[in-house]
């Protein structure tokens, strides 16, 4: 596995060692499964080794092909979960170095080692934003990548699809959307804090829709993609059952904080006109054009847009059955924060 101890990587290690109790057939883990995580030199890894003694660490960097030798040692017939990626870079070139060239290096290592299948995490961003508020993407949607992040993920998918078409290794690509759930980083907890303090940004009327991907739902898709014969060479959208409006997302967080966790809530919103996102988009484009990136501006540029998908193909071909919806997922997220010292 690449991408641990990142958010999804850490969660997948927990699932591989502890199962998915919410999903029939995936509740009991394979006791014989060995797990090796690629970790960057010098980063804290105790969160992984504390999960299970079956977790092995191999230091390396996806941007350095030679550093991956230990990671791919004795990996014949293995599954490679390629979760490593960067969303909010310090510099724009980092997106291409990690998301594209890093994927190329992982695929080359998997092929050389004789790995059976690479299951890779992409993003909604290669498809961009929906052309109308009621539209949903499916796997037939053309590429229309959003900014440099979307372009880097589109190029990542190109690299994966080329390897699959050439028969070099089996591949499956998953496109989750906005993550939420336990093991979350501080940037997600900040969203809870802003909701509590009445500073959650609502652009326009707040009715733009977002598909969201609870992390355990995504882990379910990863496990199914590993095993499904029909999934070979395919790409799937994976998210919760339905998209949610921005108003519904913030309403849900506020309600849970106040009613179930006794956290006082301001019951306000930072309401901005729709043009605020359009101005942010122009600024974001200008900054990215000279290689600069600012997370807050990039996020604001998307806030008035619908980014929604259909999961029908994953349901039909993988047997994907996302069990956790927004309310339960946010409940578990908030509880995890409070139990793990993240102040809301």
Protein backbone atom coordinates (compact mmCIF):
# COMPACT_ATOMS: atom_id res chain seq x y z
CA UNK A 1 0.00 0.00 0.00
CA UNK A 2 1.15 3.48 -0.85
CA UNK A 3 -0.35 6.51 0.84
CA UNK A 4 -0.15 5.40 4.47
CA UNK A 5 -0.16 6.92 7.05
CA UNK A 6 -2.38 9.30 5.10
CA UNK A 7 -6.09 9.53 5.80
CA UNK A 8 -7.43 6.82 3.50
CA UNK A 9 -4.29 4.68 3.82
CA UNK A 10 -4.51 4.54 7.59
CA UNK A 11 -8.20 3.72 7.38
CA UNK A 12 -7.58 0.92 4.87
CA UNK A 13 -4.94 -0.62 7.15
CA UNK A 14 -7.54 -0.66 9.94
CA UNK A 15 -10.05 -2.32 7.61
CA UNK A 16 -7.58 -4.91 6.31
CA UNK A 17 -6.69 -5.92 9.87
CA UNK A 18 -10.10 -5.48 11.51
CA UNK A 19 -12.68 -5.98 8.78
CA UNK A 20 -15.72 -3.89 7.84
CA UNK A 21 -18.42 -4.81 10.36
CA UNK A 22 -21.06 -2.78 8.50
CA UNK A 23 -20.74 -4.87 5.34
CA UNK A 24 -21.87 -8.53 5.20
CA UNK A 25 -19.08 -10.69 3.84
CA UNK A 26 -16.37 -8.17 4.67
CA UNK A 27 -16.69 -8.15 8.44
CA UNK A 28 -13.94 -10.72 9.08
CA UNK A 29 -10.42 -9.90 7.90
CA UNK A 30 -8.07 -12.41 6.34
CA UNK A 31 -5.80 -13.48 9.22
CA UNK A 32 -3.08 -14.54 6.78
CA UNK A 33 -2.87 -11.25 4.93
CA UNK A 34 0.47 -9.48 5.16
CA UNK A 35 0.44 -5.70 4.79
CA UNK A 36 3.41 -3.65 3.68
CA UNK A 37 3.15 0.14 3.66
CA UNK A 38 5.43 2.47 1.74
CA UNK A 39 6.32 5.36 4.06
CA UNK A 40 8.31 8.49 3.44
CA UNK A 41 11.59 8.60 5.38
CA UNK A 42 11.36 10.61 8.56
CA UNK A 43 7.59 10.76 8.96
CA UNK A 44 5.88 9.43 12.12
CA UNK A 45 4.54 5.92 11.55
CA UNK A 46 3.43 4.78 15.00
CA UNK A 47 -0.22 5.12 13.99
CA UNK A 48 0.38 2.22 11.57
CA UNK A 49 2.46 -0.07 13.77
CA UNK A 50 0.01 0.41 16.65
CA UNK A 51 -2.79 -1.01 14.51
CA UNK A 52 -1.31 -4.48 14.11
CA UNK A 53 2.00 -6.34 14.30
CA UNK A 54 1.20 -7.63 10.78
CA UNK A 55 1.90 -4.17 9.35
CA UNK A 56 5.37 -3.96 7.81
CA UNK A 57 6.95 -0.65 6.81
CA UNK A 58 9.23 0.00 3.84
CA UNK A 59 10.80 3.42 3.49
CA UNK A 60 10.71 5.01 0.06
CA UNK A 61 9.34 7.79 -2.10
CA UNK A 62 7.10 7.26 -5.14
CA UNK A 63 9.04 10.04 -6.88
CA UNK A 64 12.24 7.98 -6.63
CA UNK A 65 11.89 4.68 -8.48
CA UNK A 66 15.08 3.24 -6.99
CA UNK A 67 13.77 3.78 -3.46
CA UNK A 68 10.85 1.38 -4.10
CA UNK A 69 12.94 -1.81 -4.21
CA UNK A 70 12.29 -2.83 -0.61
CA UNK A 71 8.60 -2.03 -0.96
CA UNK A 72 8.24 -4.40 -3.93
CA UNK A 73 10.47 -7.15 -2.55
CA UNK A 74 8.74 -10.57 -2.76
CA UNK A 75 5.58 -8.92 -4.10
CA UNK A 76 4.78 -11.54 -6.72
CA UNK A 77 1.00 -12.00 -7.07
CA UNK A 78 0.38 -9.21 -4.54
CA UNK A 79 -2.30 -6.55 -4.68
CA UNK A 80 -0.91 -3.03 -4.76
CA UNK A 81 -3.29 -0.43 -3.31
CA UNK A 82 -1.95 2.82 -4.74
CA UNK A 83 -3.46 5.53 -2.57
CA UNK A 84 -0.58 7.99 -2.58
CA UNK A 85 -1.38 11.39 -4.03
CA UNK A 86 -1.31 15.09 -3.31
CA UNK A 87 -4.35 17.39 -3.39
CA UNK A 88 -3.12 20.68 -1.94
CA UNK A 89 0.52 21.17 -3.02
CA UNK A 90 3.10 23.72 -2.00
CA UNK A 91 4.02 24.13 -5.66
CA UNK A 92 2.07 23.20 -8.78
CA UNK A 93 4.86 20.96 -10.19
CA UNK A 94 4.44 18.72 -7.12
CA UNK A 95 1.05 17.63 -8.48
CA UNK A 96 2.64 16.12 -11.57
CA UNK A 97 5.72 14.76 -9.81
CA UNK A 98 3.64 12.82 -7.27
CA UNK A 99 0.34 12.08 -8.98
CA UNK A 100 1.70 11.28 -12.44
CA UNK A 101 5.37 10.32 -12.25
CA UNK A 102 4.86 8.71 -8.85
CA UNK A 103 2.13 6.52 -10.32
CA UNK A 104 4.36 5.66 -13.27
CA UNK A 105 7.09 4.52 -10.86
CA UNK A 106 4.66 2.44 -8.79
CA UNK A 107 3.31 0.72 -11.88
CA UNK A 108 6.82 -0.05 -13.11
CA UNK A 109 7.72 -1.51 -9.73
CA UNK A 110 4.55 -3.59 -9.65
CA UNK A 111 5.22 -4.96 -13.14
CA UNK A 112 8.84 -5.82 -12.34
CA UNK A 113 7.79 -7.56 -9.11
CA UNK A 114 5.03 -9.59 -10.78
CA UNK A 115 2.22 -8.05 -8.74
CA UNK A 116 -1.22 -9.32 -9.70
CA UNK A 117 -3.30 -6.13 -9.61
CA UNK A 118 -2.91 -2.41 -8.93
CA UNK A 119 -6.00 -0.74 -7.44
CA UNK A 120 -5.49 3.02 -7.68
CA UNK A 121 -7.31 5.99 -6.19
CA UNK A 122 -8.02 8.84 -8.58
CA UNK A 123 -10.51 11.68 -7.99
CA UNK A 124 -13.64 13.36 -9.25
CA UNK A 125 -11.45 16.18 -10.57
CA UNK A 126 -10.55 14.68 -13.99
CA UNK A 127 -14.23 15.08 -14.91
CA UNK A 128 -14.38 18.63 -13.55
CA UNK A 129 -17.68 20.17 -12.48
CA UNK A 130 -21.15 19.14 -13.62
CA UNK A 131 -22.55 21.21 -16.51
CA UNK A 132 -25.87 21.78 -14.72
CA UNK A 133 -27.12 21.47 -11.10
CA UNK A 134 -29.21 18.35 -11.82
CA UNK A 135 -26.51 16.52 -13.81
CA UNK A 136 -24.55 13.54 -12.46
CA UNK A 137 -21.35 12.08 -13.88
CA UNK A 138 -21.05 8.44 -14.83
CA UNK A 139 -18.15 6.53 -16.35
CA UNK A 140 -19.07 7.68 -19.87
CA UNK A 141 -18.48 11.34 -18.99
CA UNK A 142 -15.65 12.89 -21.03
CA UNK A 143 -12.56 14.24 -19.36
CA UNK A 144 -12.82 17.91 -18.44
CA UNK A 145 -10.20 18.28 -15.72
CA UNK A 146 -10.53 21.04 -13.16
CA UNK A 147 -7.33 23.08 -12.87
CA UNK A 148 -3.89 21.53 -12.43
CA UNK A 149 -5.01 18.97 -9.84
CA UNK A 150 -7.60 17.61 -12.26
CA UNK A 151 -5.05 17.55 -15.07
CA UNK A 152 -2.56 15.66 -12.94
CA UNK A 153 -5.17 13.06 -12.01
CA UNK A 154 -6.28 12.77 -15.63
CA UNK A 155 -2.68 12.11 -16.63
CA UNK A 156 -2.42 9.61 -13.78
CA UNK A 157 -5.43 7.74 -15.19
CA UNK A 158 -3.81 7.82 -18.65
CA UNK A 159 -0.69 6.13 -17.24
CA UNK A 160 -2.80 3.47 -15.52
CA UNK A 161 -4.95 2.82 -18.58
CA UNK A 162 -1.88 2.51 -20.82
CA UNK A 163 -0.38 -0.14 -18.51
CA UNK A 164 -3.66 -2.04 -18.49
CA UNK A 165 -4.17 -1.86 -22.27
CA UNK A 166 -0.62 -3.12 -22.83
CA UNK A 167 -1.28 -6.10 -20.55
CA UNK A 168 1.59 -5.17 -18.25
CA UNK A 169 -0.48 -5.54 -15.06
CA UNK A 170 -4.13 -5.72 -14.04
CA UNK A 171 -5.49 -2.35 -12.94
CA UNK A 172 -8.65 -0.88 -11.42
CA UNK A 173 -9.14 2.86 -10.92
CA UNK A 174 -11.56 4.28 -8.37
CA UNK A 175 -12.83 7.86 -8.32
CA UNK A 176 -13.97 8.82 -4.82
CA UNK A 177 -15.22 12.32 -4.09
CA UNK A 178 -15.00 14.60 -1.04
CA UNK A 179 -13.66 12.38 1.78
CA UNK A 180 -15.03 12.42 5.31
CA UNK A 181 -14.71 10.05 8.24
CA UNK A 182 -12.39 8.87 11.04
CA UNK A 183 -8.61 9.31 10.84
CA UNK A 184 -9.27 12.67 9.22
CA UNK A 185 -6.59 15.37 9.01
CA UNK A 186 -6.89 18.78 10.70
CA UNK A 187 -8.22 20.41 7.51
CA UNK A 188 -11.42 18.37 7.82
CA UNK A 189 -11.75 19.13 11.53
CA UNK A 190 -11.42 22.79 10.64
CA UNK A 191 -14.66 22.43 8.66
CA UNK A 192 -16.38 21.24 11.83
CA UNK A 193 -14.97 24.19 13.77
CA UNK A 194 -16.14 26.66 11.13
CA UNK A 195 -19.62 25.10 11.21
CA UNK A 196 -19.69 25.40 15.01
CA UNK A 197 -18.60 29.03 14.94
CA UNK A 198 -21.01 30.07 12.20
CA UNK A 199 -18.23 30.56 9.65
CA UNK A 200 -19.00 27.70 7.25
CA UNK A 201 -18.99 29.29 3.78
CA UNK A 202 -22.23 29.02 1.83
CA UNK A 203 -21.91 30.45 -1.66
CA UNK A 204 -25.06 31.50 -3.46
CA UNK A 205 -28.10 29.68 -2.12
CA UNK A 206 -26.18 26.68 -0.82
CA UNK A 207 -28.05 24.29 -3.10
CA UNK A 208 -25.05 23.18 -5.16
CA UNK A 209 -24.69 19.41 -4.72
CA UNK A 210 -21.68 17.35 -3.73
CA UNK A 211 -21.07 13.65 -3.87
CA UNK A 212 -19.17 12.65 -0.76
CA UNK A 213 -17.24 9.48 0.04
CA UNK A 214 -17.27 8.21 3.62
CA UNK A 215 -13.89 6.56 4.09
CA UNK A 216 -15.23 3.12 5.03
CA UNK A 217 -17.46 3.15 1.94
CA UNK A 218 -14.35 3.84 -0.11
CA UNK A 219 -12.48 1.04 1.67
CA UNK A 220 -15.32 -1.31 0.76
CA UNK A 221 -14.88 -0.34 -2.89
CA UNK A 222 -11.13 -0.95 -2.65
CA UNK A 223 -11.66 -4.47 -1.29
CA UNK A 224 -14.25 -5.29 -3.96
CA UNK A 225 -12.03 -3.90 -6.72
CA UNK A 226 -9.22 -6.16 -5.55
CA UNK A 227 -11.26 -9.32 -6.12
CA UNK A 228 -13.68 -8.59 -8.96
CA UNK A 229 -12.80 -10.19 -12.29
CA UNK A 230 -15.16 -7.77 -14.07
CA UNK A 231 -13.25 -4.80 -12.68
CA UNK A 232 -10.05 -5.52 -14.59
CA UNK A 233 -9.05 -2.46 -16.59
CA UNK A 234 -12.08 -0.47 -15.47
CA UNK A 235 -12.71 2.88 -13.76
CA UNK A 236 -15.50 3.39 -11.23
CA UNK A 237 -17.06 6.33 -9.44
CA UNK A 238 -17.44 5.52 -5.73
CA UNK A 239 -19.31 7.70 -3.25
CA UNK A 240 -22.25 7.64 -0.87
CA UNK A 241 -25.64 6.65 -2.29
CA UNK A 242 -26.63 10.18 -3.27
CA UNK A 243 -25.16 13.68 -3.47
CA UNK A 244 -25.90 16.23 -0.72
CA UNK A 245 -26.45 19.97 -0.95
CA UNK A 246 -24.01 22.23 0.86
CA UNK A 247 -26.88 23.38 3.10
CA UNK A 248 -27.63 19.76 4.03
CA UNK A 249 -23.98 19.07 4.84
CA UNK A 250 -23.63 22.04 7.19
CA UNK A 251 -27.10 21.47 8.71
CA UNK A 252 -26.13 17.88 9.51
CA UNK A 253 -22.85 18.87 11.18
CA UNK A 254 -24.55 21.56 13.26
CA UNK A 255 -27.37 19.27 14.36
CA UNK A 256 -25.03 16.48 15.44
CA UNK A 257 -22.63 18.79 17.28
CA UNK A 258 -25.42 20.39 19.26
CA UNK A 259 -27.89 17.57 19.90
CA UNK A 260 -25.61 14.55 20.25
CA UNK A 261 -22.27 15.96 21.43
CA UNK A 262 -23.42 18.99 23.46
CA UNK A 263 -21.21 21.36 21.47
CA UNK A 264 -22.72 24.88 21.29
CA UNK A 265 -23.36 26.02 17.72
CA UNK A 266 -23.68 29.61 16.49
CA UNK A 267 -26.38 28.77 13.90
CA UNK A 268 -24.91 31.20 11.40
CA UNK A 269 -23.29 30.88 8.01
CA UNK A 270 -20.70 32.90 6.18
CA UNK A 271 -22.93 33.66 3.21
CA UNK A 272 -21.23 34.80 0.04
CA UNK A 273 -22.67 35.71 -3.37
CA UNK A 274 -22.08 33.29 -6.20
CA UNK A 275 -19.68 35.71 -7.82
CA UNK A 276 -17.25 35.16 -4.90
CA UNK A 277 -16.46 31.71 -6.29
CA UNK A 278 -16.03 33.12 -9.78
CA UNK A 279 -13.60 35.76 -8.54
CA UNK A 280 -11.72 33.07 -6.60
CA UNK A 281 -11.60 30.97 -9.77
CA UNK A 282 -9.92 33.77 -11.70
CA UNK A 283 -7.41 34.38 -8.90
CA UNK A 284 -6.75 30.63 -8.62
CA UNK A 285 -6.13 30.34 -12.35
CA UNK A 286 -3.74 33.30 -12.33
CA UNK A 287 -1.82 31.94 -9.33
CA UNK A 288 -1.61 28.42 -10.71
CA UNK A 289 -0.49 29.87 -14.04
CA UNK A 290 2.72 31.03 -12.37
CA UNK A 291 3.13 27.85 -10.31
CA UNK A 292 1.56 29.09 -7.05
CA UNK A 293 -1.23 27.52 -5.02
CA UNK A 294 -3.41 28.66 -2.12
CA UNK A 295 -5.77 26.06 -0.66
CA UNK A 296 -8.43 28.50 0.61
CA UNK A 297 -8.74 30.21 -2.78
CA UNK A 298 -8.92 26.91 -4.64
CA UNK A 299 -11.62 25.52 -2.33
CA UNK A 300 -13.67 28.75 -2.56
CA UNK A 301 -13.51 28.57 -6.37
CA UNK A 302 -15.47 25.28 -6.25
CA UNK A 303 -18.05 26.22 -3.63
CA UNK A 304 -20.78 27.34 -6.06
CA UNK A 305 -20.40 24.33 -8.32
CA UNK A 306 -22.10 20.94 -8.40
CA UNK A 307 -19.75 17.93 -8.35
CA UNK A 308 -22.01 14.88 -8.31
CA UNK A 309 -21.75 11.33 -9.62
CA UNK A 310 -23.70 8.13 -10.11
CA UNK A 311 -22.40 4.96 -8.46
CA UNK A 312 -24.67 2.63 -10.45
CA UNK A 313 -21.86 0.94 -12.35
CA UNK A 314 -19.89 0.17 -9.17
CA UNK A 315 -23.08 -1.20 -7.59
CA UNK A 316 -23.80 -3.37 -10.62
CA UNK A 317 -20.31 -4.67 -11.41
CA UNK A 318 -18.50 -4.62 -8.06
CA UNK A 319 -21.41 -5.28 -5.74
CA UNK A 320 -20.65 -1.93 -4.10
CA UNK A 321 -23.15 -1.22 -1.32
CA UNK A 322 -22.24 1.93 0.64
CA UNK A 323 -23.70 1.42 4.11
CA UNK A 324 -22.88 4.77 5.71
CA UNK A 325 -24.76 7.95 4.80
CA UNK A 326 -24.03 11.57 5.67
CA UNK A 327 -25.65 11.62 9.10
CA UNK A 328 -24.02 8.45 10.41
CA UNK A 329 -20.72 9.27 8.74
CA UNK A 330 -20.54 12.73 10.27
CA UNK A 331 -21.58 11.28 13.62
CA UNK A 332 -18.66 8.85 13.52
CA UNK A 333 -16.31 11.60 12.30
CA UNK A 334 -17.17 13.96 15.14
CA UNK A 335 -16.91 11.18 17.72
CA UNK A 336 -13.48 10.21 16.38
CA UNK A 337 -12.28 13.82 16.64
CA UNK A 338 -13.44 14.17 20.23
CA UNK A 339 -11.93 10.82 21.23
CA UNK A 340 -8.59 11.52 19.56
CA UNK A 341 -7.78 14.98 20.84
CA UNK A 342 -8.82 17.02 17.79
CA UNK A 343 -10.51 20.13 19.14
CA UNK A 344 -13.64 21.18 17.30
